[in-house]
Structures are given as C-alpha cells and as structure tokens.
Amino acid sequence: MSNTSESCILIGGYAQPPKETAANFAYSILSCQLLINKKSHCVVHCHFNTISPLTSEYLNDMIFGYCFDNPIDPLLEKIQSHMYLSITSSVVHALRNAQERFKQIEIPD
C-alpha cells in the first residue's frame, strides 16, 4: 500500500479489562485500533494496547484480512476458541465496539 493515509481509515474500539488483572492495572481501558482499507473494508493492520506485544501480534495475525462488511460473530468465535486469556472477553467487546463505529460512519472516497 503506497499511501496508507489515503487508502485506509482508522477505527477504534474499547472495553474495560476485568478487575484484578494485569491489564486493568496497566490500562484502565483495553483499546483496539484497526486500519481498514476504504475500498475493500478489510483490515490491513490492527493493534491492541495489551501488556504483551505477543498478544497484540497474535490478534493482528488473526484479524488481518477480516472484512467489516461480513458478520463479526465468526471472527469473535475464532478469537474465543484460540485465546485463553483473562482479557479475551474484553478483546471481543472492543471489536464489537469498533464494528458498531464502522457501521455508523460514511467512508470517504
């Protein structure tokens, strides 16, 4: 992608991590940022503000290519069946929040 700022939009979602977890002590909010291609509506990159870079990288690999025009439930089920962390439900909630935001915007050309 030659000019990401022109060909993509940046969408965010958030959720509160469970109490008494390292994520809650480090961040009061778990956030995700999704770089979405304006034409295909597919995720070209994502980032989660997790404590471990491995978690964010794993999620990026799992979410890369997901099209926001499709139902999100299969993606969320995939995450829940592959991720066994205390923040998994927060990741799911943050992604739902991001998809709701995506549905509310009109994507510029």
PDB file of N, CA and C in Angstrom:
ATOM      1  N   MET A   1       0.848  -1.171   0.000  1.00  0.00           N
ATOM      2  CA  MET A   1       0.000   0.000   0.000  1.00  0.00           C
ATOM      3  C   MET A   1       0.892   1.231   0.000  1.00  0.00           C
ATOM      4  N   SER A   2       0.799   2.027  -1.026  1.00  0.00           N
ATOM      5  CA  SER A   2       1.728   3.130  -1.178  1.00  0.00           C
ATOM      6  C   SER A   2       1.423   4.297  -0.254  1.00  0.00           C
ATOM      7  N   ASN A   3       0.161   4.639  -0.060  1.00  0.00           N
ATOM      8  CA  ASN A   3      -0.166   5.769   0.792  1.00  0.00           C
ATOM      9  C   ASN A   3      -1.311   5.376   1.720  1.00  0.00           C
ATOM     10  N   THR A   4      -0.965   4.820   2.853  1.00  0.00           N
ATOM     11  CA  THR A   4      -1.944   4.293   3.796  1.00  0.00           C
ATOM     12  C   THR A   4      -2.937   5.343   4.245  1.00  0.00           C
ATOM     13  N   SER A   5      -2.478   6.563   4.470  1.00  0.00           N
ATOM     14  CA  SER A   5      -3.388   7.599   4.966  1.00  0.00           C
ATOM     15  C   SER A   5      -4.472   7.944   3.952  1.00  0.00           C
ATOM     16  N   GLU A   6      -4.209   7.712   2.679  1.00  0.00           N
ATOM     17  CA  GLU A   6      -5.209   7.988   1.647  1.00  0.00           C
ATOM     18  C   GLU A   6      -6.087   6.782   1.340  1.00  0.00           C
ATOM     19  N   SER A   7      -5.566   5.583   1.503  1.00  0.00           N
ATOM     20  CA  SER A   7      -6.311   4.388   1.106  1.00  0.00           C
ATOM     21  C   SER A   7      -7.024   3.690   2.261  1.00  0.00           C
ATOM     22  N   CYS A   8      -6.780   4.151   3.490  1.00  0.00           N
ATOM     23  CA  CYS A   8      -7.353   3.476   4.653  1.00  0.00           C
ATOM     24  C   CYS A   8      -8.004   4.464   5.618  1.00  0.00           C
ATOM     25  N   ILE A   9      -8.843   3.906   6.476  1.00  0.00           N
ATOM     26  CA  ILE A   9      -9.375   4.663   7.601  1.00  0.00           C
ATOM     27  C   ILE A   9      -8.924   3.964   8.876  1.00  0.00           C
ATOM     28  N   LEU A  10      -8.893   4.700   9.962  1.00  0.00           N
ATOM     29  CA  LEU A  10      -8.500   4.160  11.260  1.00  0.00           C
ATOM     30  C   LEU A  10      -9.722   4.185  12.165  1.00  0.00           C
ATOM     31  N   ILE A  11     -10.090   3.009  12.663  1.00  0.00           N
ATOM     32  CA  ILE A  11     -11.261   2.866  13.534  1.00  0.00           C
ATOM     33  C   ILE A  11     -10.779   2.340  14.876  1.00  0.00           C
ATOM     34  N   GLY A  12     -11.402   2.777  15.942  1.00  0.00           N
ATOM     35  CA  GLY A  12     -11.042   2.284  17.261  1.00  0.00           C
ATOM     36  C   GLY A  12     -12.229   1.706  18.000  1.00  0.00           C
ATOM     37  N   GLY A  13     -11.932   0.832  18.915  1.00  0.00           N
ATOM     38  CA  GLY A  13     -12.926   0.267  19.819  1.00  0.00           C
ATOM     39  C   GLY A  13     -12.292   0.125  21.188  1.00  0.00           C
ATOM     40  N   TYR A  14     -13.125  -0.008  22.194  1.00  0.00           N
ATOM     41  CA  TYR A  14     -12.581  -0.096  23.538  1.00  0.00           C
ATOM     42  C   TYR A  14     -13.459  -0.980  24.416  1.00  0.00           C
ATOM     43  N   ALA A  15     -12.878  -1.413  25.515  1.00  0.00           N
ATOM     44  CA  ALA A  15     -13.591  -2.184  26.524  1.00  0.00           C
ATOM     45  C   ALA A  15     -12.810  -2.091  27.818  1.00  0.00           C
ATOM     46  N   GLN A  16     -13.483  -2.355  28.907  1.00  0.00           N
ATOM     47  CA  GLN A  16     -12.808  -2.363  30.200  1.00  0.00           C
ATOM     48  C   GLN A  16     -12.289  -3.766  30.474  1.00  0.00           C
ATOM     49  N   PRO A  17     -11.002  -3.887  30.821  1.00  0.00           N
ATOM     50  CA  PRO A  17     -10.480  -5.213  31.174  1.00  0.00           C
ATOM     51  C   PRO A  17     -11.070  -5.665  32.512  1.00  0.00           C
ATOM     52  N   PRO A  18     -11.077  -6.964  32.762  1.00  0.00           N
ATOM     53  CA  PRO A  18     -11.591  -7.461  34.037  1.00  0.00           C
ATOM     54  C   PRO A  18     -10.805  -6.880  35.217  1.00  0.00           C
ATOM     55  N   LYS A  19     -11.495  -6.668  36.307  1.00  0.00           N
ATOM     56  CA  LYS A  19     -10.839  -6.179  37.533  1.00  0.00           C
ATOM     57  C   LYS A  19      -9.812  -7.208  38.006  1.00  0.00           C
ATOM     58  N   GLU A  20      -8.836  -6.733  38.731  1.00  0.00           N
ATOM     59  CA  GLU A  20      -7.806  -7.583  39.331  1.00  0.00           C
ATOM     60  C   GLU A  20      -6.967  -8.340  38.297  1.00  0.00           C
ATOM     61  N   THR A  21      -6.844  -7.784  37.094  1.00  0.00           N
ATOM     62  CA  THR A  21      -5.947  -8.375  36.105  1.00  0.00           C
ATOM     63  C   THR A  21      -4.822  -7.384  35.834  1.00  0.00           C
ATOM     64  N   ALA A  22      -3.721  -7.894  35.314  1.00  0.00           N
ATOM     65  CA  ALA A  22      -2.586  -7.016  34.997  1.00  0.00           C
ATOM     66  C   ALA A  22      -2.992  -5.955  33.977  1.00  0.00           C
ATOM     67  N   ALA A  23      -3.855  -6.350  33.033  1.00  0.00           N
ATOM     68  CA  ALA A  23      -4.298  -5.387  32.017  1.00  0.00           C
ATOM     69  C   ALA A  23      -5.054  -4.229  32.643  1.00  0.00           C
ATOM     70  N   ASN A  24      -5.855  -4.510  33.657  1.00  0.00           N
ATOM     71  CA  ASN A  24      -6.615  -3.446  34.313  1.00  0.00           C
ATOM     72  C   ASN A  24      -5.698  -2.532  35.117  1.00  0.00           C
ATOM     73  N   PHE A  25      -4.663  -3.109  35.730  1.00  0.00           N
ATOM     74  CA  PHE A  25      -3.724  -2.282  36.484  1.00  0.00           C
ATOM     75  C   PHE A  25      -2.880  -1.418  35.544  1.00  0.00           C
ATOM     76  N   ALA A  26      -2.500  -1.960  34.410  1.00  0.00           N
ATOM     77  CA  ALA A  26      -1.666  -1.217  33.465  1.00  0.00           C
ATOM     78  C   ALA A  26      -2.481  -0.203  32.659  1.00  0.00           C
ATOM     79  N   TYR A  27      -3.670  -0.623  32.227  1.00  0.00           N
ATOM     80  CA  TYR A  27      -4.543   0.229  31.408  1.00  0.00           C
ATOM     81  C   TYR A  27      -5.956   0.112  31.966  1.00  0.00           C
ATOM     82  N   SER A  28      -6.595   1.208  32.171  1.00  0.00           N
ATOM     83  CA  SER A  28      -7.976   1.111  32.645  1.00  0.00           C
ATOM     84  C   SER A  28      -8.924   0.775  31.500  1.00  0.00           C
ATOM     85  N   ILE A  29      -8.457   0.939  30.280  1.00  0.00           N
ATOM     86  CA  ILE A  29      -9.253   0.640  29.081  1.00  0.00           C
ATOM     87  C   ILE A  29      -8.408  -0.195  28.126  1.00  0.00           C
ATOM     88  N   LEU A  30      -9.010  -1.255  27.604  1.00  0.00           N
ATOM     89  CA  LEU A  30      -8.374  -2.031  26.537  1.00  0.00           C
ATOM     90  C   LEU A  30      -8.865  -1.423  25.226  1.00  0.00           C
ATOM     91  N   SER A  31      -7.957  -1.009  24.389  1.00  0.00           N
ATOM     92  CA  SER A  31      -8.376  -0.400  23.121  1.00  0.00           C
ATOM     93  C   SER A  31      -7.800  -1.163  21.946  1.00  0.00           C
ATOM     94  N   CYS A  32      -8.518  -1.078  20.853  1.00  0.00           N
ATOM     95  CA  CYS A  32      -8.013  -1.637  19.598  1.00  0.00           C
ATOM     96  C   CYS A  32      -8.103  -0.549  18.545  1.00  0.00           C
ATOM     97  N   GLN A  33      -7.138  -0.548  17.671  1.00  0.00           N
ATOM     98  CA  GLN A  33      -7.139   0.340  16.526  1.00  0.00           C
ATOM     99  C   GLN A  33      -7.045  -0.552  15.298  1.00  0.00           C
ATOM    100  N   LEU A  34      -7.925  -0.295  14.348  1.00  0.00           N
ATOM    101  CA  LEU A  34      -8.000  -1.112  13.142  1.00  0.00           C
ATOM    102  C   LEU A  34      -7.795  -0.224  11.923  1.00  0.00           C
ATOM    103  N   LEU A  35      -6.820  -0.565  11.118  1.00  0.00           N
ATOM    104  CA  LEU A  35      -6.567   0.125   9.861  1.00  0.00           C
ATOM    105  C   LEU A  35      -7.335  -0.637   8.793  1.00  0.00           C
ATOM    106  N   ILE A  36      -8.330   0.020   8.191  1.00  0.00           N
ATOM    107  CA  ILE A  36      -9.254  -0.636   7.268  1.00  0.00           C
ATOM    108  C   ILE A  36      -9.163   0.015   5.896  1.00  0.00           C
ATOM    109  N   ASN A  37      -8.998  -0.822   4.880  1.00  0.00           N
ATOM    110  CA  ASN A  37      -8.952  -0.339   3.511  1.00  0.00           C
ATOM    111  C   ASN A  37     -10.317   0.261   3.144  1.00  0.00           C
ATOM    112  N   LYS A  38     -10.308   1.475   2.575  1.00  0.00           N
ATOM    113  CA  LYS A  38     -11.561   2.168   2.264  1.00  0.00           C
ATOM    114  C   LYS A  38     -12.379   1.486   1.181  1.00  0.00           C
ATOM    115  N   LYS A  39     -11.742   0.821   0.253  1.00  0.00           N
ATOM    116  CA  LYS A  39     -12.478   0.183  -0.848  1.00  0.00           C
ATOM    117  C   LYS A  39     -12.961  -1.213  -0.482  1.00  0.00           C
ATOM    118  N   SER A  40     -12.089  -2.024   0.092  1.00  0.00           N
ATOM    119  CA  SER A  40     -12.445  -3.416   0.385  1.00  0.00           C
ATOM    120  C   SER A  40     -13.106  -3.590   1.749  1.00  0.00           C
ATOM    121  N   HIS A  41     -12.914  -2.611   2.639  1.00  0.00           N
ATOM    122  CA  HIS A  41     -13.399  -2.662   4.020  1.00  0.00           C
ATOM    123  C   HIS A  41     -12.750  -3.792   4.812  1.00  0.00           C
ATOM    124  N   CYS A  42     -11.551  -4.197   4.391  1.00  0.00           N
ATOM    125  CA  CYS A  42     -10.809  -5.266   5.057  1.00  0.00           C
ATOM    126  C   CYS A  42      -9.712  -4.683   5.947  1.00  0.00           C
ATOM    127  N   VAL A  43      -9.445  -5.382   7.030  1.00  0.00           N
ATOM    128  CA  VAL A  43      -8.413  -4.964   7.979  1.00  0.00           C
ATOM    129  C   VAL A  43      -7.035  -5.233   7.367  1.00  0.00           C
ATOM    130  N   VAL A  44      -6.223  -4.185   7.295  1.00  0.00           N
ATOM    131  CA  VAL A  44      -4.860  -4.345   6.792  1.00  0.00           C
ATOM    132  C   VAL A  44      -3.841  -4.346   7.931  1.00  0.00           C
ATOM    133  N   HIS A  45      -4.262  -3.864   9.103  1.00  0.00           N
ATOM    134  CA  HIS A  45      -3.407  -3.912  10.295  1.00  0.00           C
ATOM    135  C   HIS A  45      -4.268  -3.568  11.501  1.00  0.00           C
ATOM    136  N   CYS A  46      -3.910  -4.138  12.640  1.00  0.00           N
ATOM    137  CA  CYS A  46      -4.590  -3.750  13.873  1.00  0.00           C
ATOM    138  C   CYS A  46      -3.609  -3.776  15.032  1.00  0.00           C
ATOM    139  N   HIS A  47      -3.988  -3.077  16.081  1.00  0.00           N
ATOM    140  CA  HIS A  47      -3.160  -3.021  17.285  1.00  0.00           C
ATOM    141  C   HIS A  47      -4.076  -2.996  18.501  1.00  0.00           C
ATOM    142  N   PHE A  48      -3.706  -3.752  19.528  1.00  0.00           N
ATOM    143  CA  PHE A  48      -4.379  -3.736  20.820  1.00  0.00           C
ATOM    144  C   PHE A  48      -3.368  -3.291  21.856  1.00  0.00           C
ATOM    145  N   ASN A  49      -3.788  -2.473  22.798  1.00  0.00           N
ATOM    146  CA  ASN A  49      -2.864  -1.992  23.832  1.00  0.00           C
ATOM    147  C   ASN A  49      -2.752  -3.024  24.951  1.00  0.00           C
ATOM    148  N   THR A  50      -2.272  -4.190  24.596  1.00  0.00           N
ATOM    149  CA  THR A  50      -2.091  -5.258  25.575  1.00  0.00           C
ATOM    150  C   THR A  50      -0.719  -5.138  26.224  1.00  0.00           C
ATOM    151  N   ILE A  51      -0.567  -5.778  27.365  1.00  0.00           N
ATOM    152  CA  ILE A  51       0.717  -5.739  28.062  1.00  0.00           C
ATOM    153  C   ILE A  51       1.781  -6.460  27.256  1.00  0.00           C
ATOM    154  N   SER A  52       1.427  -7.588  26.674  1.00  0.00           N
ATOM    155  CA  SER A  52       2.378  -8.376  25.898  1.00  0.00           C
ATOM    156  C   SER A  52       2.275  -8.047  24.410  1.00  0.00           C
ATOM    157  N   PRO A  53       3.387  -7.680  23.792  1.00  0.00           N
ATOM    158  CA  PRO A  53       3.363  -7.467  22.342  1.00  0.00           C
ATOM    159  C   PRO A  53       2.937  -8.732  21.589  1.00  0.00           C
ATOM    160  N   LEU A  54       3.225  -9.896  22.146  1.00  0.00           N
ATOM    161  CA  LEU A  54       2.836 -11.151  21.507  1.00  0.00           C
ATOM    162  C   LEU A  54       1.317 -11.238  21.348  1.00  0.00           C
ATOM    163  N   THR A  55       0.582 -10.804  22.356  1.00  0.00           N
ATOM    164  CA  THR A  55      -0.883 -10.831  22.285  1.00  0.00           C
ATOM    165  C   THR A  55      -1.379  -9.936  21.159  1.00  0.00           C
ATOM    166  N   SER A  56      -0.842  -8.741  21.075  1.00  0.00           N
ATOM    167  CA  SER A  56      -1.259  -7.822  20.015  1.00  0.00           C
ATOM    168  C   SER A  56      -0.894  -8.370  18.639  1.00  0.00           C
ATOM    169  N   GLU A  57       0.298  -8.938  18.510  1.00  0.00           N
ATOM    170  CA  GLU A  57       0.726  -9.524  17.233  1.00  0.00           C
ATOM    171  C   GLU A  57      -0.163 -10.709  16.849  1.00  0.00           C
ATOM    172  N   TYR A  58      -0.498 -11.539  17.819  1.00  0.00           N
ATOM    173  CA  TYR A  58      -1.353 -12.699  17.567  1.00  0.00           C
ATOM    174  C   TYR A  58      -2.733 -12.246  17.081  1.00  0.00           C
ATOM    175  N   LEU A  59      -3.270 -11.242  17.744  1.00  0.00           N
ATOM    176  CA  LEU A  59      -4.571 -10.711  17.326  1.00  0.00           C
ATOM    177  C   LEU A  59      -4.494 -10.093  15.936  1.00  0.00           C
ATOM    178  N   ASN A  60      -3.415  -9.385  15.652  1.00  0.00           N
ATOM    179  CA  ASN A  60      -3.255  -8.801  14.323  1.00  0.00           C
ATOM    180  C   ASN A  60      -3.252  -9.899  13.264  1.00  0.00           C
ATOM    181  N   ASP A  61      -2.520 -10.986  13.515  1.00  0.00           N
ATOM    182  CA  ASP A  61      -2.496 -12.101  12.562  1.00  0.00           C
ATOM    183  C   ASP A  61      -3.884 -12.703  12.374  1.00  0.00           C
ATOM    184  N   MET A  62      -4.636 -12.804  13.458  1.00  0.00           N
ATOM    185  CA  MET A  62      -5.957 -13.421  13.401  1.00  0.00           C
ATOM    186  C   MET A  62      -6.980 -12.517  12.696  1.00  0.00           C
ATOM    187  N   ILE A  63      -6.847 -11.219  12.886  1.00  0.00           N
ATOM    188  CA  ILE A  63      -7.842 -10.274  12.375  1.00  0.00           C
ATOM    189  C   ILE A  63      -7.494  -9.770  10.976  1.00  0.00           C
ATOM    190  N   PHE A  64      -6.220  -9.846  10.602  1.00  0.00           N
ATOM    191  CA  PHE A  64      -5.781  -9.367   9.280  1.00  0.00           C
ATOM    192  C   PHE A  64      -6.658  -9.980   8.184  1.00  0.00           C
ATOM    193  N   GLY A  65      -7.175  -9.135   7.312  1.00  0.00           N
ATOM    194  CA  GLY A  65      -7.972  -9.594   6.185  1.00  0.00           C
ATOM    195  C   GLY A  65      -9.460  -9.681   6.461  1.00  0.00           C
ATOM    196  N   TYR A  66      -9.865  -9.597   7.736  1.00  0.00           N
ATOM    197  CA  TYR A  66     -11.297  -9.641   8.039  1.00  0.00           C
ATOM    198  C   TYR A  66     -11.992  -8.462   7.371  1.00  0.00           C
ATOM    199  N   CYS A  67     -13.100  -8.729   6.704  1.00  0.00           N
ATOM    200  CA  CYS A  67     -13.871  -7.688   6.027  1.00  0.00           C
ATOM    201  C   CYS A  67     -14.999  -7.219   6.943  1.00  0.00           C
ATOM    202  N   PHE A  68     -15.044  -5.950   7.211  1.00  0.00           N
ATOM    203  CA  PHE A  68     -16.043  -5.393   8.116  1.00  0.00           C
ATOM    204  C   PHE A  68     -17.445  -5.357   7.519  1.00  0.00           C
ATOM    205  N   ASP A  69     -17.598  -5.762   6.262  1.00  0.00           N
ATOM    206  CA  ASP A  69     -18.932  -5.912   5.682  1.00  0.00           C
ATOM    207  C   ASP A  69     -19.556  -7.240   6.108  1.00  0.00           C
ATOM    208  N   ASN A  70     -18.734  -8.177   6.565  1.00  0.00           N
ATOM    209  CA  ASN A  70     -19.204  -9.509   6.961  1.00  0.00           C
ATOM    210  C   ASN A  70     -19.665  -9.509   8.420  1.00  0.00           C
ATOM    211  N   PRO A  71     -20.492 -10.495   8.794  1.00  0.00           N
ATOM    212  CA  PRO A  71     -20.861 -10.632  10.206  1.00  0.00           C
ATOM    213  C   PRO A  71     -19.612 -10.865  11.055  1.00  0.00           C
ATOM    214  N   ILE A  72     -19.587 -10.272  12.223  1.00  0.00           N
ATOM    215  CA  ILE A  72     -18.394 -10.355  13.072  1.00  0.00           C
ATOM    216  C   ILE A  72     -18.378 -11.603  13.958  1.00  0.00           C
ATOM    217  N   ASP A  73     -19.508 -12.245  14.129  1.00  0.00           N
ATOM    218  CA  ASP A  73     -19.570 -13.389  15.051  1.00  0.00           C
ATOM    219  C   ASP A  73     -18.577 -14.509  14.725  1.00  0.00           C
ATOM    220  N   PRO A  74     -18.395 -14.911  13.463  1.00  0.00           N
ATOM    221  CA  PRO A  74     -17.392 -15.963  13.203  1.00  0.00           C
ATOM    222  C   PRO A  74     -15.976 -15.566  13.635  1.00  0.00           C
ATOM    223  N   LEU A  75     -15.612 -14.311  13.440  1.00  0.00           N
ATOM    224  CA  LEU A  75     -14.300 -13.838  13.880  1.00  0.00           C
ATOM    225  C   LEU A  75     -14.204 -13.885  15.403  1.00  0.00           C
ATOM    226  N   LEU A  76     -15.241 -13.448  16.087  1.00  0.00           N
ATOM    227  CA  LEU A  76     -15.229 -13.441  17.547  1.00  0.00           C
ATOM    228  C   LEU A  76     -15.182 -14.864  18.102  1.00  0.00           C
ATOM    229  N   GLU A  77     -15.879 -15.778  17.456  1.00  0.00           N
ATOM    230  CA  GLU A  77     -15.832 -17.185  17.878  1.00  0.00           C
ATOM    231  C   GLU A  77     -14.431 -17.762  17.679  1.00  0.00           C
ATOM    232  N   LYS A  78     -13.793 -17.371  16.592  1.00  0.00           N
ATOM    233  CA  LYS A  78     -12.418 -17.824  16.334  1.00  0.00           C
ATOM    234  C   LYS A  78     -11.478 -17.321  17.434  1.00  0.00           C
ATOM    235  N   ILE A  79     -11.630 -16.066  17.802  1.00  0.00           N
ATOM    236  CA  ILE A  79     -10.796 -15.493  18.866  1.00  0.00           C
ATOM    237  C   ILE A  79     -11.046 -16.240  20.173  1.00  0.00           C
ATOM    238  N   GLN A  80     -12.314 -16.464  20.501  1.00  0.00           N
ATOM    239  CA  GLN A  80     -12.641 -17.132  21.762  1.00  0.00           C
ATOM    240  C   GLN A  80     -12.174 -18.588  21.794  1.00  0.00           C
ATOM    241  N   SER A  81     -12.064 -19.205  20.635  1.00  0.00           N
ATOM    242  CA  SER A  81     -11.619 -20.604  20.626  1.00  0.00           C
ATOM    243  C   SER A  81     -10.094 -20.751  20.499  1.00  0.00           C
ATOM    244  N   HIS A  82      -9.397 -19.631  20.333  1.00  0.00           N
ATOM    245  CA  HIS A  82      -7.941 -19.683  20.209  1.00  0.00           C
ATOM    246  C   HIS A  82      -7.205 -18.898  21.300  1.00  0.00           C
ATOM    247  N   MET A  83      -7.912 -18.059  22.024  1.00  0.00           N
ATOM    248  CA  MET A  83      -7.291 -17.188  23.018  1.00  0.00           C
ATOM    249  C   MET A  83      -7.849 -17.499  24.390  1.00  0.00           C
ATOM    250  N   TYR A  84      -6.993 -17.892  25.291  1.00  0.00           N
ATOM    251  CA  TYR A  84      -7.424 -18.241  26.642  1.00  0.00           C
ATOM    252  C   TYR A  84      -6.724 -17.340  27.649  1.00  0.00           C
ATOM    253  N   LEU A  85      -7.111 -16.077  27.623  1.00  0.00           N
ATOM    254  CA  LEU A  85      -6.536 -15.066  28.497  1.00  0.00           C
ATOM    255  C   LEU A  85      -7.648 -14.407  29.295  1.00  0.00           C
ATOM    256  N   SER A  86      -7.285 -13.753  30.360  1.00  0.00           N
ATOM    257  CA  SER A  86      -8.289 -13.062  31.174  1.00  0.00           C
ATOM    258  C   SER A  86      -8.928 -11.898  30.427  1.00  0.00           C
ATOM    259  N   ILE A  87      -8.284 -11.423  29.379  1.00  0.00           N
ATOM    260  CA  ILE A  87      -8.815 -10.273  28.632  1.00  0.00           C
ATOM    261  C   ILE A  87      -9.576 -10.666  27.368  1.00  0.00           C
ATOM    262  N   THR A  88      -9.777 -11.943  27.116  1.00  0.00           N
ATOM    263  CA  THR A  88     -10.426 -12.373  25.874  1.00  0.00           C
ATOM    264  C   THR A  88     -11.798 -11.730  25.703  1.00  0.00           C
ATOM    265  N   SER A  89     -12.597 -11.705  26.747  1.00  0.00           N
ATOM    266  CA  SER A  89     -13.929 -11.104  26.626  1.00  0.00           C
ATOM    267  C   SER A  89     -13.831  -9.602  26.353  1.00  0.00           C
ATOM    268  N   SER A  90     -12.803  -8.952  26.865  1.00  0.00           N
ATOM    269  CA  SER A  90     -12.610  -7.519  26.598  1.00  0.00           C
ATOM    270  C   SER A  90     -12.204  -7.289  25.150  1.00  0.00           C
ATOM    271  N   VAL A  91     -11.388  -8.172  24.610  1.00  0.00           N
ATOM    272  CA  VAL A  91     -10.998  -8.087  23.196  1.00  0.00           C
ATOM    273  C   VAL A  91     -12.243  -8.209  22.323  1.00  0.00           C
ATOM    274  N   VAL A  92     -13.099  -9.165  22.633  1.00  0.00           N
ATOM    275  CA  VAL A  92     -14.332  -9.367  21.880  1.00  0.00           C
ATOM    276  C   VAL A  92     -15.205  -8.122  21.961  1.00  0.00           C
ATOM    277  N   HIS A  93     -15.346  -7.568  23.155  1.00  0.00           N
ATOM    278  CA  HIS A  93     -16.178  -6.369  23.325  1.00  0.00           C
ATOM    279  C   HIS A  93     -15.596  -5.179  22.553  1.00  0.00           C
ATOM    280  N   ALA A  94     -14.274  -5.012  22.594  1.00  0.00           N
ATOM    281  CA  ALA A  94     -13.631  -3.903  21.870  1.00  0.00           C
ATOM    282  C   ALA A  94     -13.852  -4.028  20.361  1.00  0.00           C
ATOM    283  N   LEU A  95     -13.776  -5.252  19.837  1.00  0.00           N
ATOM    284  CA  LEU A  95     -14.014  -5.457  18.409  1.00  0.00           C
ATOM    285  C   LEU A  95     -15.471  -5.185  18.034  1.00  0.00           C
ATOM    286  N   ARG A  96     -16.406  -5.598  18.886  1.00  0.00           N
ATOM    287  CA  ARG A  96     -17.829  -5.284  18.640  1.00  0.00           C
ATOM    288  C   ARG A  96     -18.031  -3.772  18.619  1.00  0.00           C
ATOM    289  N   ASN A  97     -17.389  -3.093  19.563  1.00  0.00           N
ATOM    290  CA  ASN A  97     -17.477  -1.643  19.637  1.00  0.00           C
ATOM    291  C   ASN A  97     -16.922  -0.994  18.373  1.00  0.00           C
ATOM    292  N   ALA A  98     -15.809  -1.505  17.868  1.00  0.00           N
ATOM    293  CA  ALA A  98     -15.209  -0.965  16.642  1.00  0.00           C
ATOM    294  C   ALA A  98     -16.117  -1.209  15.444  1.00  0.00           C
ATOM    295  N   GLN A  99     -16.740  -2.389  15.364  1.00  0.00           N
ATOM    296  CA  GLN A  99     -17.625  -2.654  14.233  1.00  0.00           C
ATOM    297  C   GLN A  99     -18.860  -1.756  14.277  1.00  0.00           C
ATOM    298  N   GLU A 100     -19.397  -1.512  15.466  1.00  0.00           N
ATOM    299  CA  GLU A 100     -20.528  -0.586  15.594  1.00  0.00           C
ATOM    300  C   GLU A 100     -20.144   0.795  15.083  1.00  0.00           C
ATOM    301  N   ARG A 101     -18.948   1.237  15.446  1.00  0.00           N
ATOM    302  CA  ARG A 101     -18.472   2.548  14.983  1.00  0.00           C
ATOM    303  C   ARG A 101     -18.314   2.546  13.463  1.00  0.00           C
ATOM    304  N   PHE A 102     -17.781   1.460  12.920  1.00  0.00           N
ATOM    305  CA  PHE A 102     -17.603   1.342  11.464  1.00  0.00           C
ATOM    306  C   PHE A 102     -18.947   1.469  10.745  1.00  0.00           C
ATOM    307  N   LYS A 103     -19.977   0.831  11.278  1.00  0.00           N
ATOM    308  CA  LYS A 103     -21.300   0.872  10.652  1.00  0.00           C
ATOM    309  C   LYS A 103     -21.912   2.269  10.687  1.00  0.00           C
ATOM    310  N   GLN A 104     -21.488   3.096  11.622  1.00  0.00           N
ATOM    311  CA  GLN A 104     -22.069   4.426  11.787  1.00  0.00           C
ATOM    312  C   GLN A 104     -21.439   5.493  10.892  1.00  0.00           C
ATOM    313  N   ILE A 105     -20.292   5.206  10.333  1.00  0.00           N
ATOM    314  CA  ILE A 105     -19.597   6.233   9.550  1.00  0.00           C
ATOM    315  C   ILE A 105     -19.875   6.068   8.055  1.00  0.00           C
ATOM    316  N   GLU A 106     -19.708   7.144   7.362  1.00  0.00           N
ATOM    317  CA  GLU A 106     -19.745   7.105   5.912  1.00  0.00           C
ATOM    318  C   GLU A 106     -18.294   7.214   5.456  1.00  0.00           C
ATOM    319  N   ILE A 107     -17.838   6.187   4.784  1.00  0.00           N
ATOM    320  CA  ILE A 107     -16.426   6.123   4.412  1.00  0.00           C
ATOM    321  C   ILE A 107     -16.157   7.047   3.243  1.00  0.00           C
ATOM    322  N   PRO A 108     -15.211   7.958   3.415  1.00  0.00           N
ATOM    323  CA  PRO A 108     -14.869   8.872   2.318  1.00  0.00           C
ATOM    324  C   PRO A 108     -14.129   8.152   1.199  1.00  0.00           C
ATOM    325  N   ASP A 109     -14.242   8.678   0.006  1.00  0.00           N
ATOM    326  CA  ASP A 109     -13.528   8.099  -1.149  1.00  0.00           C
ATOM    327  C   ASP A 109     -12.079   8.519  -1.166  1.00  0.00           C
TER     328      ASP A 109
END
